[in-house]
């Protein structure tokens, strides 16, 4: 017995619906391949759980015809009127002589007897029903996983930050570009920008530590000088920040360490720890 045949019979084994020969062959294969026992245990557990939800069986379709046939075979005799004396006079005799059993009605049709299905039929039906159950269970699990994944994706989409939304927009632009550079003191920074959108996002990882009264300040540097593009203080190892400035081709995206709130003069007060050209 190969693995596929074993798995096909596993459901019937769990339902105790195998023919004696199939059951013996199945148990022999199980002894030869103990690693298949996990599948058997799973089928038995599934069968037990499904049995708890099985609805009550309806009576067979032949129940009414069988009952009517039995009624027709039983004689229906009306009692003759008699005086009280006759009734009391015959009471002792009736008690001593047992009543004669009614004669069967030869004209009545015998009750229909449903043939008992063979083991092969039971096994085939059990396999078919079990297969349908597995498909239904698998479909339910796929539906639940899909719904759960969809809900998580929708929640993530709705609750995403403006920087993450801008990054997705930039990456979808036909002129999207990005450059990764090492940061002085440790870490890396990747600038993503699109000239057609005029937007840029800085994604940094493992930036060097700064004091509580300091922040990182982003700058867009062009031929006229540096323009502040916002400040941030990393809360996680990776930070995604949208630059609060328009970026054009040839500009440089720089990062410096400034006092909390940004440089009071509006110009960098220290050398940049990273500078990424967009040209």
C-alpha atoms as a PDB file:
ATOM      1  CA  UNK A   1       0.000   0.000   0.000  1.00  0.00           C
ATOM      2  CA  UNK A   2       1.461   3.320  -1.042  1.00  0.00           C
ATOM      3  CA  UNK A   3       1.060   6.616   0.775  1.00  0.00           C
ATOM      4  CA  UNK A   4      -1.770   7.869  -1.431  1.00  0.00           C
ATOM      5  CA  UNK A   5      -3.826   4.703  -0.905  1.00  0.00           C
ATOM      6  CA  UNK A   6      -3.152   4.899   2.813  1.00  0.00           C
ATOM      7  CA  UNK A   7      -4.373   8.498   3.015  1.00  0.00           C
ATOM      8  CA  UNK A   8      -7.496   7.598   0.994  1.00  0.00           C
ATOM      9  CA  UNK A   9      -8.364   4.885   3.519  1.00  0.00           C
ATOM     10  CA  UNK A  10      -7.488   7.003   6.558  1.00  0.00           C
ATOM     11  CA  UNK A  11     -10.888   8.679   6.610  1.00  0.00           C
ATOM     12  CA  UNK A  12     -12.693   5.352   6.388  1.00  0.00           C
ATOM     13  CA  UNK A  13     -10.518   3.980   9.178  1.00  0.00           C
ATOM     14  CA  UNK A  14     -11.339   6.985  11.351  1.00  0.00           C
ATOM     15  CA  UNK A  15     -15.045   6.409  10.658  1.00  0.00           C
ATOM     16  CA  UNK A  16     -14.714   2.645  11.303  1.00  0.00           C
ATOM     17  CA  UNK A  17     -16.128   1.996   7.834  1.00  0.00           C
ATOM     18  CA  UNK A  18     -13.415  -0.183   6.281  1.00  0.00           C
ATOM     19  CA  UNK A  19     -13.977  -3.736   5.172  1.00  0.00           C
ATOM     20  CA  UNK A  20     -12.044  -6.316   7.224  1.00  0.00           C
ATOM     21  CA  UNK A  21      -9.476  -6.854   4.455  1.00  0.00           C
ATOM     22  CA  UNK A  22      -8.944  -3.129   3.961  1.00  0.00           C
ATOM     23  CA  UNK A  23      -8.688  -2.578   7.687  1.00  0.00           C
ATOM     24  CA  UNK A  24      -6.070  -5.316   8.049  1.00  0.00           C
ATOM     25  CA  UNK A  25      -4.052  -3.925   5.142  1.00  0.00           C
ATOM     26  CA  UNK A  26      -4.373  -0.417   6.544  1.00  0.00           C
ATOM     27  CA  UNK A  27      -3.148  -1.403  10.006  1.00  0.00           C
ATOM     28  CA  UNK A  28      -0.292  -3.394   8.471  1.00  0.00           C
ATOM     29  CA  UNK A  29       0.786  -0.337   6.481  1.00  0.00           C
ATOM     30  CA  UNK A  30       0.520   1.781   9.625  1.00  0.00           C
ATOM     31  CA  UNK A  31       2.877  -0.575  11.448  1.00  0.00           C
ATOM     32  CA  UNK A  32       5.294  -0.409   8.533  1.00  0.00           C
ATOM     33  CA  UNK A  33       5.116   3.406   8.382  1.00  0.00           C
ATOM     34  CA  UNK A  34       4.623   4.844  11.875  1.00  0.00           C
ATOM     35  CA  UNK A  35       5.289   8.317  10.473  1.00  0.00           C
ATOM     36  CA  UNK A  36       1.823   8.144   8.865  1.00  0.00           C
ATOM     37  CA  UNK A  37       0.165   7.904  12.281  1.00  0.00           C
ATOM     38  CA  UNK A  38      -0.076  11.686  12.487  1.00  0.00           C
ATOM     39  CA  UNK A  39      -2.501  11.699   9.553  1.00  0.00           C
ATOM     40  CA  UNK A  40      -4.600   8.974  11.181  1.00  0.00           C
ATOM     41  CA  UNK A  41      -4.737  10.850  14.487  1.00  0.00           C
ATOM     42  CA  UNK A  42      -5.808  14.007  12.666  1.00  0.00           C
ATOM     43  CA  UNK A  43      -8.583  12.165  10.810  1.00  0.00           C
ATOM     44  CA  UNK A  44      -9.833  10.526  14.003  1.00  0.00           C
ATOM     45  CA  UNK A  45      -9.879  13.868  15.801  1.00  0.00           C
ATOM     46  CA  UNK A  46     -11.668  15.506  12.884  1.00  0.00           C
ATOM     47  CA  UNK A  47     -14.223  12.703  12.720  1.00  0.00           C
ATOM     48  CA  UNK A  48     -14.891  13.036  16.442  1.00  0.00           C
ATOM     49  CA  UNK A  49     -15.386  16.786  16.201  1.00  0.00           C
ATOM     50  CA  UNK A  50     -17.642  16.446  13.154  1.00  0.00           C
ATOM     51  CA  UNK A  51     -19.711  13.762  14.867  1.00  0.00           C
ATOM     52  CA  UNK A  52     -20.684  16.227  17.570  1.00  0.00           C
ATOM     53  CA  UNK A  53     -22.327  18.443  14.957  1.00  0.00           C
ATOM     54  CA  UNK A  54     -24.129  15.706  13.011  1.00  0.00           C
ATOM     55  CA  UNK A  55     -27.842  16.420  12.819  1.00  0.00           C
ATOM     56  CA  UNK A  56     -30.436  13.853  13.831  1.00  0.00           C
ATOM     57  CA  UNK A  57     -31.200  11.320  11.101  1.00  0.00           C
ATOM     58  CA  UNK A  58     -34.611  11.503   9.404  1.00  0.00           C
ATOM     59  CA  UNK A  59     -36.754   8.300   9.208  1.00  0.00           C
ATOM     60  CA  UNK A  60     -36.364   6.283   5.986  1.00  0.00           C
ATOM     61  CA  UNK A  61     -38.663   7.060   3.083  1.00  0.00           C
ATOM     62  CA  UNK A  62     -40.197   3.552   3.306  1.00  0.00           C
ATOM     63  CA  UNK A  63     -41.385   4.002   6.886  1.00  0.00           C
ATOM     64  CA  UNK A  64     -44.860   5.203   5.857  1.00  0.00           C
ATOM     65  CA  UNK A  65     -45.427   2.456   3.265  1.00  0.00           C
ATOM     66  CA  UNK A  66     -44.254  -0.231   5.690  1.00  0.00           C
ATOM     67  CA  UNK A  67     -46.575   1.029   8.411  1.00  0.00           C
ATOM     68  CA  UNK A  68     -49.578   1.150   6.052  1.00  0.00           C
ATOM     69  CA  UNK A  69     -48.852  -2.383   4.819  1.00  0.00           C
ATOM     70  CA  UNK A  70     -48.821  -3.722   8.369  1.00  0.00           C
ATOM     71  CA  UNK A  71     -52.090  -1.963   9.131  1.00  0.00           C
ATOM     72  CA  UNK A  72     -53.662  -3.488   6.019  1.00  0.00           C
ATOM     73  CA  UNK A  73     -52.541  -6.982   7.081  1.00  0.00           C
ATOM     74  CA  UNK A  74     -54.266  -6.680  10.461  1.00  0.00           C
ATOM     75  CA  UNK A  75     -58.040  -7.586  10.379  1.00  0.00           C
ATOM     76  CA  UNK A  76     -60.308  -4.804  11.558  1.00  0.00           C
ATOM     77  CA  UNK A  77     -63.432  -6.582  13.076  1.00  0.00           C
ATOM     78  CA  UNK A  78     -66.345  -4.609  14.505  1.00  0.00           C
ATOM     79  CA  UNK A  79     -67.893  -5.971  17.713  1.00  0.00           C
ATOM     80  CA  UNK A  80     -71.532  -7.327  17.510  1.00  0.00           C
ATOM     81  CA  UNK A  81     -74.046  -5.868  19.985  1.00  0.00           C
ATOM     82  CA  UNK A  82     -74.865  -8.279  22.838  1.00  0.00           C
ATOM     83  CA  UNK A  83     -76.852  -8.196  26.025  1.00  0.00           C
ATOM     84  CA  UNK A  84     -75.239  -7.809  29.392  1.00  0.00           C
ATOM     85  CA  UNK A  85     -76.127 -11.438  30.167  1.00  0.00           C
ATOM     86  CA  UNK A  86     -74.358 -12.745  27.089  1.00  0.00           C
ATOM     87  CA  UNK A  87     -71.301 -10.679  27.884  1.00  0.00           C
ATOM     88  CA  UNK A  88     -71.084 -11.876  31.467  1.00  0.00           C
ATOM     89  CA  UNK A  89     -71.909 -15.458  30.457  1.00  0.00           C
ATOM     90  CA  UNK A  90     -69.089 -15.638  27.971  1.00  0.00           C
ATOM     91  CA  UNK A  91     -66.540 -13.948  30.226  1.00  0.00           C
ATOM     92  CA  UNK A  92     -65.411 -17.129  31.947  1.00  0.00           C
ATOM     93  CA  UNK A  93     -65.142 -19.044  28.684  1.00  0.00           C
ATOM     94  CA  UNK A  94     -63.162 -16.238  27.050  1.00  0.00           C
ATOM     95  CA  UNK A  95     -60.779 -16.192  29.961  1.00  0.00           C
ATOM     96  CA  UNK A  96     -60.199 -19.951  29.717  1.00  0.00           C
ATOM     97  CA  UNK A  97     -59.741 -20.163  25.958  1.00  0.00           C
ATOM     98  CA  UNK A  98     -57.040 -17.979  24.437  1.00  0.00           C
ATOM     99  CA  UNK A  99     -58.137 -15.936  21.426  1.00  0.00           C
ATOM    100  CA  UNK A 100     -57.338 -17.277  17.980  1.00  0.00           C
ATOM    101  CA  UNK A 101     -54.661 -15.283  16.228  1.00  0.00           C
ATOM    102  CA  UNK A 102     -55.945 -13.334  13.218  1.00  0.00           C
ATOM    103  CA  UNK A 103     -55.394 -14.865   9.814  1.00  0.00           C
ATOM    104  CA  UNK A 104     -53.051 -12.948   7.563  1.00  0.00           C
ATOM    105  CA  UNK A 105     -54.579 -11.137   4.627  1.00  0.00           C
ATOM    106  CA  UNK A 106     -53.186 -12.783   1.523  1.00  0.00           C
ATOM    107  CA  UNK A 107     -54.199  -9.800  -0.602  1.00  0.00           C
ATOM    108  CA  UNK A 108     -52.043  -7.343   1.361  1.00  0.00           C
ATOM    109  CA  UNK A 109     -48.684  -6.587  -0.170  1.00  0.00           C
ATOM    110  CA  UNK A 110     -45.655  -7.465   1.993  1.00  0.00           C
ATOM    111  CA  UNK A 111     -43.764  -4.568   3.521  1.00  0.00           C
ATOM    112  CA  UNK A 112     -40.847  -3.254   1.543  1.00  0.00           C
ATOM    113  CA  UNK A 113     -37.462  -4.124   3.001  1.00  0.00           C
ATOM    114  CA  UNK A 114     -34.547  -1.896   2.089  1.00  0.00           C
ATOM    115  CA  UNK A 115     -31.453  -3.927   1.183  1.00  0.00           C
ATOM    116  CA  UNK A 116     -28.481  -3.541   3.470  1.00  0.00           C
ATOM    117  CA  UNK A 117     -25.698  -1.752   1.604  1.00  0.00           C
ATOM    118  CA  UNK A 118     -22.496  -3.692   1.094  1.00  0.00           C
ATOM    119  CA  UNK A 119     -19.276  -2.743   2.806  1.00  0.00           C
ATOM    120  CA  UNK A 120     -17.841  -1.492  -0.481  1.00  0.00           C
ATOM    121  CA  UNK A 121     -20.805   0.866  -0.937  1.00  0.00           C
ATOM    122  CA  UNK A 122     -20.494   2.157   2.633  1.00  0.00           C
ATOM    123  CA  UNK A 123     -16.776   2.605   2.135  1.00  0.00           C
ATOM    124  CA  UNK A 124     -17.275   4.467  -1.163  1.00  0.00           C
ATOM    125  CA  UNK A 125     -19.930   6.745   0.308  1.00  0.00           C
ATOM    126  CA  UNK A 126     -17.803   7.348   3.397  1.00  0.00           C
ATOM    127  CA  UNK A 127     -14.804   8.241   1.257  1.00  0.00           C
ATOM    128  CA  UNK A 128     -16.903  10.566  -0.888  1.00  0.00           C
ATOM    129  CA  UNK A 129     -18.518  12.273   2.106  1.00  0.00           C
ATOM    130  CA  UNK A 130     -15.203  12.532   3.906  1.00  0.00           C
ATOM    131  CA  UNK A 131     -13.551  14.007   0.816  1.00  0.00           C
ATOM    132  CA  UNK A 132     -16.345  16.540   0.521  1.00  0.00           C
ATOM    133  CA  UNK A 133     -15.928  17.344   4.189  1.00  0.00           C
ATOM    134  CA  UNK A 134     -12.209  17.879   3.744  1.00  0.00           C
ATOM    135  CA  UNK A 135     -12.804  20.155   0.767  1.00  0.00           C
ATOM    136  CA  UNK A 136     -15.411  22.103   2.739  1.00  0.00           C
ATOM    137  CA  UNK A 137     -13.073  22.372   5.713  1.00  0.00           C
ATOM    138  CA  UNK A 138     -10.186  23.469   3.513  1.00  0.00           C
ATOM    139  CA  UNK A 139     -12.395  26.015   1.771  1.00  0.00           C
ATOM    140  CA  UNK A 140     -13.537  27.359   5.139  1.00  0.00           C
ATOM    141  CA  UNK A 141      -9.962  27.684   6.344  1.00  0.00           C
ATOM    142  CA  UNK A 142      -8.932  29.419   3.124  1.00  0.00           C
ATOM    143  CA  UNK A 143     -11.882  31.785   3.479  1.00  0.00           C
ATOM    144  CA  UNK A 144     -11.016  32.570   7.095  1.00  0.00           C
ATOM    145  CA  UNK A 145      -7.360  33.123   6.274  1.00  0.00           C
ATOM    146  CA  UNK A 146      -8.301  35.288   3.298  1.00  0.00           C
ATOM    147  CA  UNK A 147     -10.713  37.342   5.358  1.00  0.00           C
ATOM    148  CA  UNK A 148      -8.169  37.689   8.146  1.00  0.00           C
ATOM    149  CA  UNK A 149      -5.420  38.675   5.733  1.00  0.00           C
ATOM    150  CA  UNK A 150      -7.767  41.075   3.970  1.00  0.00           C
ATOM    151  CA  UNK A 151      -8.822  42.688   7.246  1.00  0.00           C
ATOM    152  CA  UNK A 152      -5.197  43.033   8.322  1.00  0.00           C
ATOM    153  CA  UNK A 153      -4.252  44.519   4.956  1.00  0.00           C
ATOM    154  CA  UNK A 154      -7.129  46.999   5.064  1.00  0.00           C
ATOM    155  CA  UNK A 155      -6.259  47.960   8.625  1.00  0.00           C
ATOM    156  CA  UNK A 156      -2.616  48.431   7.658  1.00  0.00           C
ATOM    157  CA  UNK A 157      -3.596  50.475   4.610  1.00  0.00           C
ATOM    158  CA  UNK A 158      -5.981  52.733   6.552  1.00  0.00           C
ATOM    159  CA  UNK A 159      -3.584  53.302   9.448  1.00  0.00           C
ATOM    160  CA  UNK A 160      -0.407  53.851   7.432  1.00  0.00           C
ATOM    161  CA  UNK A 161       1.517  57.051   8.073  1.00  0.00           C
ATOM    162  CA  UNK A 162       1.797  59.876   5.518  1.00  0.00           C
ATOM    163  CA  UNK A 163       5.453  58.942   5.003  1.00  0.00           C
ATOM    164  CA  UNK A 164       4.586  55.328   4.183  1.00  0.00           C
ATOM    165  CA  UNK A 165       1.807  56.473   1.850  1.00  0.00           C
ATOM    166  CA  UNK A 166       4.187  58.894   0.123  1.00  0.00           C
ATOM    167  CA  UNK A 167       6.814  56.166  -0.229  1.00  0.00           C
ATOM    168  CA  UNK A 168       4.281  53.906  -1.956  1.00  0.00           C
ATOM    169  CA  UNK A 169       3.299  56.782  -4.241  1.00  0.00           C
ATOM    170  CA  UNK A 170       6.927  57.505  -5.110  1.00  0.00           C
ATOM    171  CA  UNK A 171       7.709  53.860  -5.826  1.00  0.00           C
ATOM    172  CA  UNK A 172       4.732  53.734  -8.200  1.00  0.00           C
ATOM    173  CA  UNK A 173       5.912  56.789 -10.146  1.00  0.00           C
ATOM    174  CA  UNK A 174       7.581  56.130 -13.522  1.00  0.00           C
ATOM    175  CA  UNK A 175      10.595  58.292 -12.585  1.00  0.00           C
ATOM    176  CA  UNK A 176      11.092  56.846  -9.092  1.00  0.00           C
ATOM    177  CA  UNK A 177      14.711  56.752  -7.936  1.00  0.00           C
ATOM    178  CA  UNK A 178      16.550  55.776  -4.766  1.00  0.00           C
ATOM    179  CA  UNK A 179      20.089  55.864  -3.416  1.00  0.00           C
ATOM    180  CA  UNK A 180      21.446  54.244  -0.248  1.00  0.00           C
ATOM    181  CA  UNK A 181      24.405  55.685   1.636  1.00  0.00           C
ATOM    182  CA  UNK A 182      26.238  54.950   4.863  1.00  0.00           C
ATOM    183  CA  UNK A 183      25.743  57.324   7.786  1.00  0.00           C
ATOM    184  CA  UNK A 184      28.688  58.746   9.694  1.00  0.00           C
ATOM    185  CA  UNK A 185      28.688  57.158  13.141  1.00  0.00           C
ATOM    186  CA  UNK A 186      26.751  54.077  12.007  1.00  0.00           C
ATOM    187  CA  UNK A 187      23.625  53.095  10.170  1.00  0.00           C
ATOM    188  CA  UNK A 188      22.406  53.573   6.643  1.00  0.00           C
ATOM    189  CA  UNK A 189      19.975  55.936   4.941  1.00  0.00           C
ATOM    190  CA  UNK A 190      18.055  55.491   1.706  1.00  0.00           C
ATOM    191  CA  UNK A 191      16.543  58.435  -0.124  1.00  0.00           C
ATOM    192  CA  UNK A 192      13.524  57.768  -2.359  1.00  0.00           C
ATOM    193  CA  UNK A 193      12.302  60.538  -4.636  1.00  0.00           C
ATOM    194  CA  UNK A 194      10.313  61.343  -7.744  1.00  0.00           C
ATOM    195  CA  UNK A 195      10.919  64.568  -9.638  1.00  0.00           C
ATOM    196  CA  UNK A 196       7.490  64.430 -11.270  1.00  0.00           C
ATOM    197  CA  UNK A 197       5.860  64.264  -7.843  1.00  0.00           C
ATOM    198  CA  UNK A 198       8.372  66.610  -6.225  1.00  0.00           C
ATOM    199  CA  UNK A 199       8.411  64.349  -3.167  1.00  0.00           C
ATOM    200  CA  UNK A 200      11.172  62.580  -1.254  1.00  0.00           C
ATOM    201  CA  UNK A 201      11.187  60.096   1.622  1.00  0.00           C
ATOM    202  CA  UNK A 202      14.167  59.201   3.801  1.00  0.00           C
ATOM    203  CA  UNK A 203      14.310  55.671   5.212  1.00  0.00           C
ATOM    204  CA  UNK A 204      17.019  55.262   7.849  1.00  0.00           C
ATOM    205  CA  UNK A 205      18.167  52.282   9.888  1.00  0.00           C
ATOM    206  CA  UNK A 206      20.257  52.088  13.054  1.00  0.00           C
ATOM    207  CA  UNK A 207      21.200  55.756  13.153  1.00  0.00           C
ATOM    208  CA  UNK A 208      23.807  56.821  15.717  1.00  0.00           C
ATOM    209  CA  UNK A 209      22.507  57.669  19.162  1.00  0.00           C
ATOM    210  CA  UNK A 210      21.747  61.280  20.090  1.00  0.00           C
ATOM    211  CA  UNK A 211      20.905  62.995  23.375  1.00  0.00           C
ATOM    212  CA  UNK A 212      17.366  63.691  24.560  1.00  0.00           C
ATOM    213  CA  UNK A 213      17.639  67.388  23.641  1.00  0.00           C
ATOM    214  CA  UNK A 214      18.740  66.667  20.064  1.00  0.00           C
ATOM    215  CA  UNK A 215      16.989  65.651  16.868  1.00  0.00           C
ATOM    216  CA  UNK A 216      17.942  64.768  13.328  1.00  0.00           C
ATOM    217  CA  UNK A 217      17.152  67.504  10.818  1.00  0.00           C
ATOM    218  CA  UNK A 218      16.742  66.895   7.093  1.00  0.00           C
ATOM    219  CA  UNK A 219      17.832  69.402   4.473  1.00  0.00           C
ATOM    220  CA  UNK A 220      17.301  69.918   0.756  1.00  0.00           C
ATOM    221  CA  UNK A 221      20.415  71.622  -0.608  1.00  0.00           C
ATOM    222  CA  UNK A 222      20.482  73.323  -4.002  1.00  0.00           C
ATOM    223  CA  UNK A 223      22.532  76.099  -5.609  1.00  0.00           C
ATOM    224  CA  UNK A 224      20.843  78.716  -3.407  1.00  0.00           C
ATOM    225  CA  UNK A 225      21.634  76.956  -0.120  1.00  0.00           C
ATOM    226  CA  UNK A 226      20.003  74.595   2.373  1.00  0.00           C
ATOM    227  CA  UNK A 227      16.286  74.481   3.169  1.00  0.00           C
ATOM    228  CA  UNK A 228      15.037  72.629   6.238  1.00  0.00           C
ATOM    229  CA  UNK A 229      12.843  69.641   5.386  1.00  0.00           C
ATOM    230  CA  UNK A 230      11.789  68.717   8.926  1.00  0.00           C
ATOM    231  CA  UNK A 231      13.145  67.026  12.038  1.00  0.00           C
ATOM    232  CA  UNK A 232      12.634  63.629  13.638  1.00  0.00           C
ATOM    233  CA  UNK A 233      13.786  61.547  16.584  1.00  0.00           C
ATOM    234  CA  UNK A 234      13.937  57.810  15.815  1.00  0.00           C
ATOM    235  CA  UNK A 235      11.661  55.692  17.995  1.00  0.00           C
ATOM    236  CA  UNK A 236      12.522  52.410  16.271  1.00  0.00           C
ATOM    237  CA  UNK A 237      15.556  50.921  14.574  1.00  0.00           C
ATOM    238  CA  UNK A 238      14.060  51.886  11.212  1.00  0.00           C
ATOM    239  CA  UNK A 239      12.432  55.248  10.540  1.00  0.00           C
ATOM    240  CA  UNK A 240      10.536  56.444   7.468  1.00  0.00           C
ATOM    241  CA  UNK A 241      10.153  60.222   7.166  1.00  0.00           C
ATOM    242  CA  UNK A 242       8.569  62.386   4.465  1.00  0.00           C
ATOM    243  CA  UNK A 243      10.645  65.463   3.605  1.00  0.00           C
ATOM    244  CA  UNK A 244       8.705  68.681   4.094  1.00  0.00           C
ATOM    245  CA  UNK A 245      10.181  70.292   0.994  1.00  0.00           C
ATOM    246  CA  UNK A 246      10.056  69.973  -2.780  1.00  0.00           C
ATOM    247  CA  UNK A 247      12.892  67.991  -4.331  1.00  0.00           C
ATOM    248  CA  UNK A 248      14.161  68.668  -7.849  1.00  0.00           C
ATOM    249  CA  UNK A 249      16.789  66.934  -9.933  1.00  0.00           C
ATOM    250  CA  UNK A 250      20.271  67.894  -8.798  1.00  0.00           C
ATOM    251  CA  UNK A 251      19.289  68.664  -5.196  1.00  0.00           C
ATOM    252  CA  UNK A 252      21.132  67.025  -2.304  1.00  0.00           C
ATOM    253  CA  UNK A 253      19.274  65.425   0.601  1.00  0.00           C
ATOM    254  CA  UNK A 254      21.340  65.876   3.767  1.00  0.00           C
ATOM    255  CA  UNK A 255      20.949  64.974   7.435  1.00  0.00           C
ATOM    256  CA  UNK A 256      22.453  66.777  10.439  1.00  0.00           C
ATOM    257  CA  UNK A 257      22.167  66.582  14.211  1.00  0.00           C
ATOM    258  CA  UNK A 258      20.546  69.712  15.655  1.00  0.00           C
ATOM    259  CA  UNK A 259      18.926  70.826  18.880  1.00  0.00           C
ATOM    260  CA  UNK A 260      15.390  69.570  19.510  1.00  0.00           C
ATOM    261  CA  UNK A 261      12.961  71.404  17.274  1.00  0.00           C
ATOM    262  CA  UNK A 262      15.526  72.132  14.598  1.00  0.00           C
ATOM    263  CA  UNK A 263      18.280  74.655  14.034  1.00  0.00           C
ATOM    264  CA  UNK A 264      17.291  78.065  15.496  1.00  0.00           C
ATOM    265  CA  UNK A 265      18.958  79.866  12.610  1.00  0.00           C
ATOM    266  CA  UNK A 266      17.252  77.793   9.941  1.00  0.00           C
ATOM    267  CA  UNK A 267      20.647  76.689   8.644  1.00  0.00           C
ATOM    268  CA  UNK A 268      22.749  73.626   9.490  1.00  0.00           C
ATOM    269  CA  UNK A 269      24.978  74.112  12.534  1.00  0.00           C
ATOM    270  CA  UNK A 270      27.074  70.974  11.966  1.00  0.00           C
ATOM    271  CA  UNK A 271      28.448  68.912   9.145  1.00  0.00           C
ATOM    272  CA  UNK A 272      25.963  66.479   7.598  1.00  0.00           C
ATOM    273  CA  UNK A 273      26.245  62.869   8.738  1.00  0.00           C
ATOM    274  CA  UNK A 274      24.945  61.783   5.333  1.00  0.00           C
ATOM    275  CA  UNK A 275      24.451  63.588   2.001  1.00  0.00           C
ATOM    276  CA  UNK A 276      22.665  61.944  -0.930  1.00  0.00           C
ATOM    277  CA  UNK A 277      22.697  63.657  -4.351  1.00  0.00           C
ATOM    278  CA  UNK A 278      19.606  63.255  -6.515  1.00  0.00           C
ATOM    279  CA  UNK A 279      21.378  63.929  -9.813  1.00  0.00           C
END
